[in-house]
Amino acid sequence: MSKIGKINISIPDKVKVALAGNILNIEGPIGKKSLNINLDLFELDIKDGKIISIKPKKSNQEIKRLWGMNRSLINNAVIGSSKGYEKTLELVGVGYRASLKGNQLNLQLGYSHDINFNIPEGIKITVEKQTILKITGVDKQQVGSVASKIKTLRKIEPYKGKGVREKGQYILKKEGKKK
């Protein structure tokens, strides 16, 4: 049995959940999300619009793996449409700056040129100060993906710790050259 799959998903008051064929539509105050669920493998119950439970129709090793994953995807969509997801990035280094220009994020990361990062649809980026970015959105996977792409533009350097990092991320620093 899947430990995660057994747990029921509670739906907040402002979130509406509807099943249309194989597609589960979740709509909340922050946004909408649609999930494709294989109803040949799983049985989905929505009780009074308050609780969602998912159970497998057959039980084998492959379906047990998918059971927990599908439950987590539904739960992430419910949380995303009610509260949303947020990641905070810090730019650490002399002259490292960020600014918004329309639908582009302009980053100065110590290169000879500025980097213009196109903000995908469904993601909102705010620049607090010049060195702190807040990435918010409905989709947990998309928020993490955008944060990861921005972090790869200037990876953390192991000697001084300069680069783009998540807030609270621990950096293992190397010791410098000895005389």
N, C-alpha and C. Protein backbone atom coordinates (compact mmCIF):
# COMPACT_ATOMS: atom_id res chain seq x y z
N MET A 1 0.84 -1.19 0.00
CA MET A 1 0.00 0.00 0.00
C MET A 1 0.88 1.25 0.00
N SER A 2 0.41 2.27 -0.70
CA SER A 2 1.14 3.53 -0.76
C SER A 2 0.83 4.34 0.50
N LYS A 3 1.88 4.78 1.19
CA LYS A 3 1.68 5.57 2.40
C LYS A 3 1.08 6.93 2.07
N ILE A 4 1.54 7.52 0.98
CA ILE A 4 1.06 8.84 0.59
C ILE A 4 -0.32 8.74 -0.06
N GLY A 5 -0.52 7.72 -0.89
CA GLY A 5 -1.77 7.57 -1.64
C GLY A 5 -2.99 7.38 -0.76
N LYS A 6 -2.80 6.81 0.43
CA LYS A 6 -3.94 6.54 1.34
C LYS A 6 -4.52 7.82 1.93
N ILE A 7 -3.69 8.85 2.07
CA ILE A 7 -4.11 10.08 2.75
C ILE A 7 -5.11 10.84 1.87
N ASN A 8 -6.25 11.24 2.47
CA ASN A 8 -7.24 12.03 1.75
C ASN A 8 -6.77 13.47 1.62
N ILE A 9 -7.23 14.14 0.55
CA ILE A 9 -6.86 15.54 0.30
C ILE A 9 -8.04 16.40 0.71
N SER A 10 -7.81 17.31 1.66
CA SER A 10 -8.88 18.22 2.06
C SER A 10 -8.86 19.45 1.16
N ILE A 11 -10.05 19.89 0.77
CA ILE A 11 -10.18 21.02 -0.15
C ILE A 11 -10.57 22.27 0.65
N PRO A 12 -9.83 23.37 0.53
CA PRO A 12 -10.21 24.62 1.21
C PRO A 12 -11.55 25.15 0.69
N ASP A 13 -12.14 26.08 1.44
CA ASP A 13 -13.48 26.60 1.12
C ASP A 13 -13.55 27.29 -0.24
N LYS A 14 -12.52 28.05 -0.62
CA LYS A 14 -12.59 28.86 -1.84
C LYS A 14 -12.24 28.08 -3.10
N VAL A 15 -11.84 26.83 -2.97
CA VAL A 15 -11.41 26.03 -4.12
C VAL A 15 -12.55 25.15 -4.61
N LYS A 16 -12.74 25.15 -5.95
CA LYS A 16 -13.76 24.31 -6.58
C LYS A 16 -13.07 23.21 -7.39
N VAL A 17 -13.54 21.96 -7.21
CA VAL A 17 -12.97 20.82 -7.91
C VAL A 17 -14.07 20.15 -8.71
N ALA A 18 -13.81 19.90 -10.00
CA ALA A 18 -14.78 19.24 -10.87
C ALA A 18 -14.07 18.22 -11.75
N LEU A 19 -14.72 17.07 -11.94
CA LEU A 19 -14.16 16.01 -12.79
C LEU A 19 -14.96 15.97 -14.07
N ALA A 20 -14.28 16.17 -15.21
CA ALA A 20 -14.93 16.11 -16.53
C ALA A 20 -14.20 15.08 -17.37
N GLY A 21 -14.75 13.88 -17.43
CA GLY A 21 -14.09 12.79 -18.15
C GLY A 21 -12.84 12.37 -17.39
N ASN A 22 -11.69 12.42 -18.03
CA ASN A 22 -10.42 12.08 -17.38
C ASN A 22 -9.71 13.31 -16.81
N ILE A 23 -10.28 14.49 -17.00
CA ILE A 23 -9.61 15.73 -16.61
C ILE A 23 -10.21 16.27 -15.31
N LEU A 24 -9.32 16.49 -14.33
CA LEU A 24 -9.72 17.06 -13.05
C LEU A 24 -9.41 18.56 -13.09
N ASN A 25 -10.45 19.39 -13.00
CA ASN A 25 -10.29 20.85 -13.03
C ASN A 25 -10.32 21.38 -11.61
N ILE A 26 -9.30 22.12 -11.23
CA ILE A 26 -9.21 22.72 -9.90
C ILE A 26 -9.11 24.22 -10.08
N GLU A 27 -10.05 24.94 -9.47
CA GLU A 27 -10.10 26.40 -9.62
C GLU A 27 -10.15 27.04 -8.24
N GLY A 28 -9.26 27.99 -8.01
CA GLY A 28 -9.19 28.67 -6.72
C GLY A 28 -9.02 30.16 -6.89
N PRO A 29 -8.84 30.88 -5.77
CA PRO A 29 -8.71 32.34 -5.84
C PRO A 29 -7.44 32.81 -6.56
N ILE A 30 -6.40 31.99 -6.58
CA ILE A 30 -5.14 32.40 -7.21
C ILE A 30 -5.07 31.98 -8.67
N GLY A 31 -5.64 30.83 -9.02
CA GLY A 31 -5.57 30.39 -10.41
C GLY A 31 -6.26 29.06 -10.65
N LYS A 32 -6.11 28.57 -11.89
CA LYS A 32 -6.73 27.31 -12.31
C LYS A 32 -5.65 26.30 -12.66
N LYS A 33 -5.97 25.03 -12.49
CA LYS A 33 -5.05 23.95 -12.88
C LYS A 33 -5.89 22.77 -13.34
N SER A 34 -5.48 22.15 -14.43
CA SER A 34 -6.14 20.95 -14.96
C SER A 34 -5.17 19.79 -14.94
N LEU A 35 -5.63 18.65 -14.43
CA LEU A 35 -4.80 17.45 -14.37
C LEU A 35 -5.47 16.33 -15.13
N ASN A 36 -4.69 15.56 -15.87
CA ASN A 36 -5.19 14.40 -16.59
C ASN A 36 -4.95 13.17 -15.74
N ILE A 37 -6.03 12.50 -15.33
CA ILE A 37 -5.93 11.33 -14.46
C ILE A 37 -6.47 10.11 -15.19
N ASN A 38 -5.72 9.02 -15.14
CA ASN A 38 -6.11 7.78 -15.81
C ASN A 38 -7.16 7.07 -14.96
N LEU A 39 -8.43 7.17 -15.36
CA LEU A 39 -9.51 6.56 -14.59
C LEU A 39 -9.64 5.06 -14.85
N ASP A 40 -8.84 4.52 -15.79
CA ASP A 40 -8.81 3.07 -15.98
C ASP A 40 -8.04 2.42 -14.84
N LEU A 41 -7.07 3.13 -14.28
CA LEU A 41 -6.25 2.60 -13.19
C LEU A 41 -6.72 3.03 -11.80
N PHE A 42 -7.31 4.24 -11.72
CA PHE A 42 -7.66 4.81 -10.41
C PHE A 42 -9.13 5.18 -10.31
N GLU A 43 -9.62 5.15 -9.08
CA GLU A 43 -10.98 5.55 -8.76
C GLU A 43 -10.88 6.85 -7.96
N LEU A 44 -11.54 7.89 -8.43
CA LEU A 44 -11.44 9.20 -7.79
C LEU A 44 -12.79 9.55 -7.17
N ASP A 45 -12.79 9.86 -5.87
CA ASP A 45 -14.02 10.23 -5.16
C ASP A 45 -13.90 11.66 -4.65
N ILE A 46 -14.90 12.49 -4.98
CA ILE A 46 -14.97 13.85 -4.45
C ILE A 46 -16.19 13.88 -3.53
N LYS A 47 -15.96 13.97 -2.22
CA LYS A 47 -17.04 13.92 -1.23
C LYS A 47 -17.46 15.33 -0.83
N ASP A 48 -18.64 15.75 -1.22
CA ASP A 48 -19.25 17.04 -0.84
C ASP A 48 -18.37 18.25 -1.17
N GLY A 49 -17.45 18.11 -2.10
CA GLY A 49 -16.56 19.22 -2.44
C GLY A 49 -15.59 19.57 -1.34
N LYS A 50 -15.40 18.68 -0.36
CA LYS A 50 -14.51 18.94 0.78
C LYS A 50 -13.30 18.01 0.81
N ILE A 51 -13.48 16.77 0.32
CA ILE A 51 -12.40 15.78 0.41
C ILE A 51 -12.28 15.03 -0.91
N ILE A 52 -11.02 14.84 -1.37
CA ILE A 52 -10.75 14.02 -2.55
C ILE A 52 -9.98 12.79 -2.08
N SER A 53 -10.42 11.61 -2.54
CA SER A 53 -9.65 10.40 -2.26
C SER A 53 -9.41 9.67 -3.58
N ILE A 54 -8.24 9.06 -3.68
CA ILE A 54 -7.87 8.33 -4.89
C ILE A 54 -7.47 6.92 -4.47
N LYS A 55 -8.04 5.92 -5.17
CA LYS A 55 -7.74 4.52 -4.86
C LYS A 55 -7.49 3.77 -6.16
N PRO A 56 -6.57 2.81 -6.14
CA PRO A 56 -6.32 2.02 -7.36
C PRO A 56 -7.39 0.97 -7.57
N LYS A 57 -7.68 0.64 -8.84
CA LYS A 57 -8.65 -0.41 -9.15
C LYS A 57 -7.99 -1.78 -9.07
N LYS A 58 -6.72 -1.88 -9.49
CA LYS A 58 -5.94 -3.11 -9.36
C LYS A 58 -4.76 -2.81 -8.45
N SER A 59 -4.10 -3.86 -7.98
CA SER A 59 -2.95 -3.63 -7.12
C SER A 59 -1.75 -4.40 -7.62
N ASN A 60 -0.80 -3.69 -8.21
CA ASN A 60 0.50 -4.25 -8.54
C ASN A 60 1.57 -3.18 -8.31
N GLN A 61 2.81 -3.55 -8.47
CA GLN A 61 3.92 -2.66 -8.12
C GLN A 61 3.90 -1.35 -8.90
N GLU A 62 3.60 -1.41 -10.19
CA GLU A 62 3.59 -0.22 -11.04
C GLU A 62 2.48 0.75 -10.62
N ILE A 63 1.30 0.21 -10.35
CA ILE A 63 0.17 1.07 -9.98
C ILE A 63 0.38 1.68 -8.59
N LYS A 64 1.03 0.97 -7.68
CA LYS A 64 1.32 1.51 -6.35
C LYS A 64 2.22 2.75 -6.45
N ARG A 65 3.18 2.70 -7.38
CA ARG A 65 4.06 3.86 -7.57
C ARG A 65 3.29 5.06 -8.10
N LEU A 66 2.42 4.79 -9.08
CA LEU A 66 1.64 5.88 -9.70
C LEU A 66 0.60 6.45 -8.73
N TRP A 67 0.13 5.64 -7.80
CA TRP A 67 -0.91 6.05 -6.85
C TRP A 67 -0.43 7.23 -6.01
N GLY A 68 0.72 7.10 -5.37
CA GLY A 68 1.26 8.18 -4.53
C GLY A 68 1.59 9.41 -5.34
N MET A 69 2.10 9.21 -6.56
CA MET A 69 2.46 10.34 -7.40
C MET A 69 1.22 11.13 -7.82
N ASN A 70 0.15 10.43 -8.24
CA ASN A 70 -1.07 11.11 -8.64
C ASN A 70 -1.70 11.85 -7.47
N ARG A 71 -1.66 11.27 -6.28
CA ARG A 71 -2.20 11.93 -5.09
C ARG A 71 -1.42 13.21 -4.81
N SER A 72 -0.08 13.15 -4.94
CA SER A 72 0.75 14.33 -4.71
C SER A 72 0.50 15.41 -5.74
N LEU A 73 0.30 15.02 -7.01
CA LEU A 73 0.01 16.00 -8.06
C LEU A 73 -1.31 16.72 -7.79
N ILE A 74 -2.33 15.97 -7.36
CA ILE A 74 -3.64 16.57 -7.06
C ILE A 74 -3.50 17.52 -5.86
N ASN A 75 -2.79 17.07 -4.82
CA ASN A 75 -2.60 17.89 -3.62
C ASN A 75 -1.84 19.18 -3.95
N ASN A 76 -0.79 19.08 -4.78
CA ASN A 76 -0.02 20.26 -5.17
C ASN A 76 -0.88 21.24 -5.97
N ALA A 77 -1.78 20.72 -6.80
CA ALA A 77 -2.67 21.59 -7.58
C ALA A 77 -3.66 22.30 -6.68
N VAL A 78 -4.17 21.60 -5.65
CA VAL A 78 -5.13 22.22 -4.70
C VAL A 78 -4.43 23.31 -3.90
N ILE A 79 -3.23 23.03 -3.41
CA ILE A 79 -2.48 24.03 -2.64
C ILE A 79 -2.10 25.22 -3.53
N GLY A 80 -1.68 24.93 -4.76
CA GLY A 80 -1.28 25.99 -5.69
C GLY A 80 -2.41 26.92 -6.05
N SER A 81 -3.63 26.39 -6.23
CA SER A 81 -4.75 27.24 -6.60
C SER A 81 -5.32 28.00 -5.41
N SER A 82 -5.04 27.55 -4.18
CA SER A 82 -5.54 28.27 -3.02
C SER A 82 -4.50 29.25 -2.44
N LYS A 83 -3.27 28.78 -2.23
CA LYS A 83 -2.23 29.63 -1.63
C LYS A 83 -1.17 30.07 -2.64
N GLY A 84 -0.84 29.19 -3.57
CA GLY A 84 0.23 29.46 -4.53
C GLY A 84 1.56 29.00 -3.99
N TYR A 85 2.56 28.99 -4.85
CA TYR A 85 3.91 28.59 -4.47
C TYR A 85 4.85 29.75 -4.68
N GLU A 86 5.91 29.78 -3.85
CA GLU A 86 6.84 30.90 -3.88
C GLU A 86 8.26 30.42 -3.62
N LYS A 87 9.21 30.95 -4.37
CA LYS A 87 10.63 30.72 -4.12
C LYS A 87 11.32 32.06 -4.11
N THR A 88 12.30 32.21 -3.23
CA THR A 88 13.05 33.45 -3.13
C THR A 88 14.50 33.17 -3.51
N LEU A 89 15.02 33.97 -4.44
CA LEU A 89 16.41 33.84 -4.89
C LEU A 89 17.20 35.08 -4.47
N GLU A 90 18.46 34.86 -4.13
CA GLU A 90 19.35 35.96 -3.75
C GLU A 90 20.50 36.03 -4.75
N LEU A 91 20.85 37.25 -5.15
CA LEU A 91 22.01 37.47 -6.00
C LEU A 91 23.15 37.95 -5.10
N VAL A 92 24.20 37.13 -4.98
CA VAL A 92 25.31 37.45 -4.09
C VAL A 92 26.54 37.73 -4.93
N GLY A 93 27.04 38.95 -4.84
CA GLY A 93 28.24 39.33 -5.58
C GLY A 93 28.25 40.82 -5.84
N VAL A 94 29.44 41.37 -6.04
CA VAL A 94 29.57 42.81 -6.28
C VAL A 94 29.02 43.13 -7.66
N GLY A 95 28.07 44.06 -7.73
CA GLY A 95 27.50 44.49 -9.00
C GLY A 95 26.42 43.57 -9.54
N TYR A 96 26.02 42.55 -8.80
CA TYR A 96 24.94 41.66 -9.26
C TYR A 96 23.61 42.34 -8.97
N ARG A 97 22.82 42.52 -10.03
CA ARG A 97 21.55 43.23 -9.92
C ARG A 97 20.48 42.59 -10.78
N ALA A 98 19.23 42.84 -10.41
CA ALA A 98 18.10 42.37 -11.22
C ALA A 98 17.10 43.50 -11.34
N SER A 99 16.42 43.56 -12.50
CA SER A 99 15.35 44.54 -12.69
C SER A 99 14.36 43.97 -13.69
N LEU A 100 13.13 44.45 -13.60
CA LEU A 100 12.08 44.00 -14.52
C LEU A 100 11.90 45.01 -15.64
N LYS A 101 11.84 44.51 -16.87
CA LYS A 101 11.56 45.36 -18.03
C LYS A 101 10.43 44.70 -18.81
N GLY A 102 9.21 45.09 -18.50
CA GLY A 102 8.05 44.48 -19.16
C GLY A 102 7.90 43.02 -18.76
N ASN A 103 7.95 42.13 -19.75
CA ASN A 103 7.80 40.70 -19.49
C ASN A 103 9.17 40.00 -19.47
N GLN A 104 10.24 40.78 -19.22
CA GLN A 104 11.58 40.23 -19.16
C GLN A 104 12.24 40.60 -17.85
N LEU A 105 13.06 39.69 -17.36
CA LEU A 105 13.86 39.93 -16.18
C LEU A 105 15.28 40.23 -16.65
N ASN A 106 15.77 41.42 -16.34
CA ASN A 106 17.11 41.83 -16.75
C ASN A 106 18.06 41.55 -15.59
N LEU A 107 19.07 40.71 -15.85
CA LEU A 107 20.02 40.32 -14.81
C LEU A 107 21.43 40.78 -15.18
N GLN A 108 22.11 41.39 -14.22
CA GLN A 108 23.51 41.74 -14.36
C GLN A 108 24.27 40.84 -13.39
N LEU A 109 24.97 39.85 -13.94
CA LEU A 109 25.59 38.83 -13.11
C LEU A 109 27.11 38.75 -13.27
N GLY A 110 27.73 39.89 -13.54
CA GLY A 110 29.19 39.92 -13.62
C GLY A 110 29.76 39.53 -14.97
N TYR A 111 28.90 39.30 -15.94
CA TYR A 111 29.38 39.02 -17.29
C TYR A 111 29.56 40.35 -18.02
N SER A 112 30.11 40.32 -19.23
CA SER A 112 30.33 41.54 -19.99
C SER A 112 29.02 42.06 -20.59
N HIS A 113 27.95 41.27 -20.48
CA HIS A 113 26.65 41.65 -21.05
C HIS A 113 25.55 41.36 -20.04
N ASP A 114 24.41 42.03 -20.23
CA ASP A 114 23.22 41.76 -19.40
C ASP A 114 22.53 40.51 -19.93
N ILE A 115 21.83 39.80 -19.05
CA ILE A 115 21.07 38.62 -19.44
C ILE A 115 19.59 38.97 -19.33
N ASN A 116 18.87 38.79 -20.44
CA ASN A 116 17.42 39.01 -20.43
C ASN A 116 16.73 37.65 -20.37
N PHE A 117 15.98 37.42 -19.28
CA PHE A 117 15.28 36.15 -19.06
C PHE A 117 13.80 36.38 -19.30
N ASN A 118 13.23 35.66 -20.28
CA ASN A 118 11.80 35.79 -20.57
C ASN A 118 10.99 35.07 -19.50
N ILE A 119 10.05 35.79 -18.90
CA ILE A 119 9.21 35.21 -17.84
C ILE A 119 8.08 34.41 -18.48
N PRO A 120 7.97 33.10 -18.16
CA PRO A 120 6.91 32.29 -18.76
C PRO A 120 5.53 32.68 -18.24
N GLU A 121 4.51 32.31 -18.99
CA GLU A 121 3.14 32.62 -18.60
C GLU A 121 2.77 31.78 -17.38
N GLY A 122 2.05 32.39 -16.44
CA GLY A 122 1.66 31.69 -15.23
C GLY A 122 2.63 31.92 -14.08
N ILE A 123 3.73 32.62 -14.35
CA ILE A 123 4.74 32.89 -13.33
C ILE A 123 4.84 34.40 -13.14
N LYS A 124 4.93 34.82 -11.87
CA LYS A 124 5.08 36.23 -11.56
C LYS A 124 6.39 36.40 -10.79
N ILE A 125 7.23 37.30 -11.27
CA ILE A 125 8.51 37.57 -10.61
C ILE A 125 8.50 39.01 -10.12
N THR A 126 8.82 39.19 -8.84
CA THR A 126 8.94 40.54 -8.29
C THR A 126 10.38 40.72 -7.80
N VAL A 127 10.90 41.92 -7.97
CA VAL A 127 12.26 42.23 -7.54
C VAL A 127 12.16 43.07 -6.27
N GLU A 128 12.53 42.47 -5.15
CA GLU A 128 12.60 43.20 -3.88
C GLU A 128 14.05 43.61 -3.72
N LYS A 129 14.31 44.84 -3.45
CA LYS A 129 15.66 45.42 -3.49
C LYS A 129 16.19 45.18 -4.90
N GLN A 130 17.48 45.07 -5.09
CA GLN A 130 18.01 44.75 -6.42
C GLN A 130 18.61 43.36 -6.44
N THR A 131 18.75 42.78 -5.26
CA THR A 131 19.43 41.49 -5.18
C THR A 131 18.53 40.35 -4.72
N ILE A 132 17.25 40.61 -4.52
CA ILE A 132 16.33 39.56 -4.06
C ILE A 132 15.18 39.43 -5.05
N LEU A 133 14.96 38.21 -5.55
CA LEU A 133 13.87 37.92 -6.49
C LEU A 133 12.85 37.02 -5.82
N LYS A 134 11.57 37.29 -6.03
CA LYS A 134 10.52 36.40 -5.55
C LYS A 134 9.78 35.85 -6.75
N ILE A 135 9.76 34.52 -6.86
CA ILE A 135 9.09 33.85 -7.97
C ILE A 135 7.83 33.20 -7.40
N THR A 136 6.66 33.58 -7.93
CA THR A 136 5.40 33.01 -7.44
C THR A 136 4.60 32.46 -8.61
N GLY A 137 3.76 31.47 -8.32
CA GLY A 137 2.91 30.88 -9.34
C GLY A 137 2.00 29.81 -8.75
N VAL A 138 1.13 29.28 -9.59
CA VAL A 138 0.15 28.27 -9.19
C VAL A 138 0.77 26.88 -9.27
N ASP A 139 1.60 26.64 -10.27
CA ASP A 139 2.16 25.32 -10.53
C ASP A 139 3.51 25.16 -9.82
N LYS A 140 3.58 24.20 -8.89
CA LYS A 140 4.80 23.98 -8.11
C LYS A 140 5.98 23.61 -8.99
N GLN A 141 5.74 22.76 -9.98
CA GLN A 141 6.80 22.31 -10.87
C GLN A 141 7.34 23.46 -11.71
N GLN A 142 6.45 24.33 -12.18
CA GLN A 142 6.87 25.45 -13.02
C GLN A 142 7.66 26.49 -12.21
N VAL A 143 7.24 26.74 -10.96
CA VAL A 143 7.96 27.69 -10.11
C VAL A 143 9.37 27.18 -9.83
N GLY A 144 9.50 25.90 -9.52
CA GLY A 144 10.80 25.31 -9.27
C GLY A 144 11.68 25.30 -10.51
N SER A 145 11.07 25.07 -11.66
CA SER A 145 11.81 25.03 -12.92
C SER A 145 12.37 26.41 -13.27
N VAL A 146 11.57 27.45 -13.11
CA VAL A 146 12.02 28.82 -13.40
C VAL A 146 13.14 29.21 -12.44
N ALA A 147 12.98 28.88 -11.15
CA ALA A 147 14.02 29.19 -10.16
C ALA A 147 15.32 28.47 -10.52
N SER A 148 15.21 27.24 -10.95
CA SER A 148 16.38 26.46 -11.33
C SER A 148 17.09 27.05 -12.56
N LYS A 149 16.31 27.49 -13.55
CA LYS A 149 16.90 28.09 -14.75
C LYS A 149 17.65 29.38 -14.42
N ILE A 150 17.08 30.19 -13.53
CA ILE A 150 17.73 31.45 -13.14
C ILE A 150 19.01 31.14 -12.35
N LYS A 151 18.97 30.11 -11.50
CA LYS A 151 20.16 29.74 -10.72
C LYS A 151 21.30 29.25 -11.61
N THR A 152 20.97 28.60 -12.74
CA THR A 152 22.03 28.10 -13.62
C THR A 152 22.69 29.21 -14.44
N LEU A 153 22.09 30.41 -14.49
CA LEU A 153 22.71 31.51 -15.22
C LEU A 153 24.02 31.95 -14.56
N ARG A 154 24.12 31.81 -13.24
CA ARG A 154 25.38 32.09 -12.54
C ARG A 154 25.44 31.15 -11.34
N LYS A 155 26.11 30.01 -11.54
CA LYS A 155 26.21 29.02 -10.47
C LYS A 155 27.07 29.56 -9.34
N ILE A 156 26.84 29.03 -8.14
CA ILE A 156 27.56 29.50 -6.96
C ILE A 156 29.02 29.08 -7.03
N GLU A 157 29.89 30.05 -6.83
CA GLU A 157 31.33 29.83 -6.89
C GLU A 157 31.77 29.35 -5.51
N PRO A 158 32.56 28.25 -5.43
CA PRO A 158 32.82 27.61 -4.14
C PRO A 158 33.80 28.33 -3.21
N TYR A 159 34.55 29.33 -3.68
CA TYR A 159 35.54 29.98 -2.84
C TYR A 159 34.99 31.19 -2.10
N LYS A 160 34.25 32.04 -2.79
CA LYS A 160 33.67 33.23 -2.15
C LYS A 160 32.17 33.12 -1.94
N GLY A 161 31.51 32.18 -2.63
CA GLY A 161 30.07 32.01 -2.48
C GLY A 161 29.26 32.96 -3.34
N LYS A 162 29.89 33.52 -4.38
CA LYS A 162 29.19 34.44 -5.26
C LYS A 162 28.33 33.66 -6.26
N GLY A 163 27.18 34.21 -6.63
CA GLY A 163 26.30 33.59 -7.61
C GLY A 163 24.84 33.77 -7.23
N VAL A 164 23.97 33.00 -7.88
CA VAL A 164 22.53 33.06 -7.61
C VAL A 164 22.18 31.85 -6.76
N ARG A 165 21.56 32.10 -5.61
CA ARG A 165 21.18 31.01 -4.71
C ARG A 165 19.78 31.21 -4.15
N GLU A 166 19.21 30.12 -3.64
CA GLU A 166 17.92 30.22 -2.97
C GLU A 166 18.14 30.76 -1.58
N LYS A 167 17.11 31.40 -1.04
CA LYS A 167 17.23 31.95 0.30
C LYS A 167 17.38 30.81 1.30
N GLY A 168 18.38 30.90 2.13
CA GLY A 168 18.62 29.88 3.14
C GLY A 168 19.42 28.69 2.65
N GLN A 169 19.86 28.69 1.41
CA GLN A 169 20.64 27.58 0.87
C GLN A 169 22.03 27.59 1.47
N TYR A 170 22.48 26.43 1.94
CA TYR A 170 23.81 26.32 2.53
C TYR A 170 24.84 26.07 1.44
N ILE A 171 25.93 26.81 1.51
CA ILE A 171 27.00 26.66 0.52
C ILE A 171 28.24 26.14 1.24
N LEU A 172 28.78 25.03 0.76
CA LEU A 172 30.01 24.49 1.30
C LEU A 172 31.17 25.22 0.63
N LYS A 173 31.86 26.05 1.41
CA LYS A 173 32.95 26.84 0.84
C LYS A 173 34.26 26.08 0.94
N LYS A 174 35.08 26.22 -0.10
CA LYS A 174 36.41 25.60 -0.12
C LYS A 174 37.42 26.56 0.48
N GLU A 175 38.49 26.00 1.00
CA GLU A 175 39.54 26.83 1.55
C GLU A 175 40.45 27.31 0.42
N GLY A 176 40.90 28.53 0.51
CA GLY A 176 41.74 29.10 -0.54
C GLY A 176 43.17 28.56 -0.51
N LYS A 177 43.99 29.05 -1.43
CA LYS A 177 45.37 28.62 -1.55
C LYS A 177 46.18 29.15 -0.36
N LYS A 178 47.07 28.31 0.16
CA LYS A 178 47.89 28.71 1.30
C LYS A 178 49.28 29.12 0.84
N LYS A 179 49.89 30.07 1.56
CA LYS A 179 51.24 30.51 1.21
C LYS A 179 52.26 29.70 1.96
